[in-house]
């Protein structure tokens, strides 16, 4: 799991096993903290940017692995 991945931009804190276990008993979502946006358009913009950044990272990694196999 890559915490620096654009996917984790939604979370204010790093996910962990203990937080995951605690969330089972957090019926009122008191401990869940997510990044918030001014409006829906801004939230969509941030999410789309993060998605394309993740695609770009995956593509770059795939190209690098292909180049190494080719050599």
Protein backbone atom coordinates (compact mmCIF):
# COMPACT_ATOMS: atom_id res chain seq x y z
CA UNK A 1 0.00 0.00 0.00
CA UNK A 2 1.48 3.33 -1.06
CA UNK A 3 0.33 6.05 1.35
CA UNK A 4 1.79 8.72 -0.95
CA UNK A 5 -0.51 7.53 -3.70
CA UNK A 6 -3.04 10.05 -5.04
CA UNK A 7 -5.77 7.65 -3.97
CA UNK A 8 -5.18 8.52 -0.32
CA UNK A 9 -5.82 12.22 -0.87
CA UNK A 10 -9.35 11.70 0.44
CA UNK A 11 -8.13 10.85 3.92
CA UNK A 12 -6.77 13.38 6.41
CA UNK A 13 -4.90 10.69 8.34
CA UNK A 14 -3.19 7.49 7.31
CA UNK A 15 -5.33 4.37 7.41
CA UNK A 16 -4.20 1.76 9.93
CA UNK A 17 -5.34 -1.59 11.27
CA UNK A 18 -6.36 -0.14 14.65
CA UNK A 19 -8.38 2.66 13.02
CA UNK A 20 -10.05 0.09 10.80
CA UNK A 21 -11.00 -2.04 13.78
CA UNK A 22 -12.26 1.01 15.69
CA UNK A 23 -14.42 2.03 12.74
CA UNK A 24 -16.46 -1.15 13.19
CA UNK A 25 -17.77 0.21 16.49
CA UNK A 26 -18.01 3.85 15.36
CA UNK A 27 -21.69 3.75 14.46
CA UNK A 28 -22.11 7.55 14.39
CA UNK A 29 -18.94 8.16 12.29
CA UNK A 30 -17.38 10.28 15.01
CA UNK A 31 -13.79 9.26 14.26
CA UNK A 32 -13.99 9.46 10.45
CA UNK A 33 -12.34 12.56 9.04
CA UNK A 34 -12.27 13.25 5.32
CA UNK A 35 -11.01 16.18 3.32
CA UNK A 36 -13.83 18.53 2.44
CA UNK A 37 -14.27 20.90 -0.49
CA UNK A 38 -16.02 24.23 -0.89
CA UNK A 39 -18.50 22.77 -3.36
CA UNK A 40 -19.25 19.69 -5.46
CA UNK A 41 -17.45 21.02 -8.54
CA UNK A 42 -14.23 21.53 -6.60
CA UNK A 43 -14.52 18.06 -5.04
CA UNK A 44 -15.02 16.54 -8.51
CA UNK A 45 -12.03 18.45 -9.87
CA UNK A 46 -9.77 17.20 -7.08
CA UNK A 47 -11.01 13.61 -7.47
CA UNK A 48 -10.54 13.61 -11.25
CA UNK A 49 -7.04 15.07 -10.91
CA UNK A 50 -6.16 12.37 -8.37
CA UNK A 51 -7.56 9.65 -10.65
CA UNK A 52 -5.56 10.82 -13.67
CA UNK A 53 -2.42 11.22 -11.53
CA UNK A 54 -2.84 7.59 -10.41
CA UNK A 55 -3.31 6.47 -14.05
CA UNK A 56 -0.19 8.39 -15.03
CA UNK A 57 1.84 6.80 -12.23
CA UNK A 58 0.64 3.32 -13.20
CA UNK A 59 1.43 3.95 -16.86
CA UNK A 60 4.91 5.28 -16.06
CA UNK A 61 5.60 2.24 -13.86
CA UNK A 62 4.40 -0.12 -16.60
CA UNK A 63 6.60 1.58 -19.22
CA UNK A 64 9.60 1.40 -16.89
CA UNK A 65 9.02 -2.31 -16.22
CA UNK A 66 8.62 -2.98 -19.96
CA UNK A 67 11.87 -1.14 -20.72
CA UNK A 68 13.70 -3.22 -18.07
CA UNK A 69 12.32 -6.48 -19.48
CA UNK A 70 13.25 -5.39 -23.00
CA UNK A 71 16.91 -4.94 -22.00
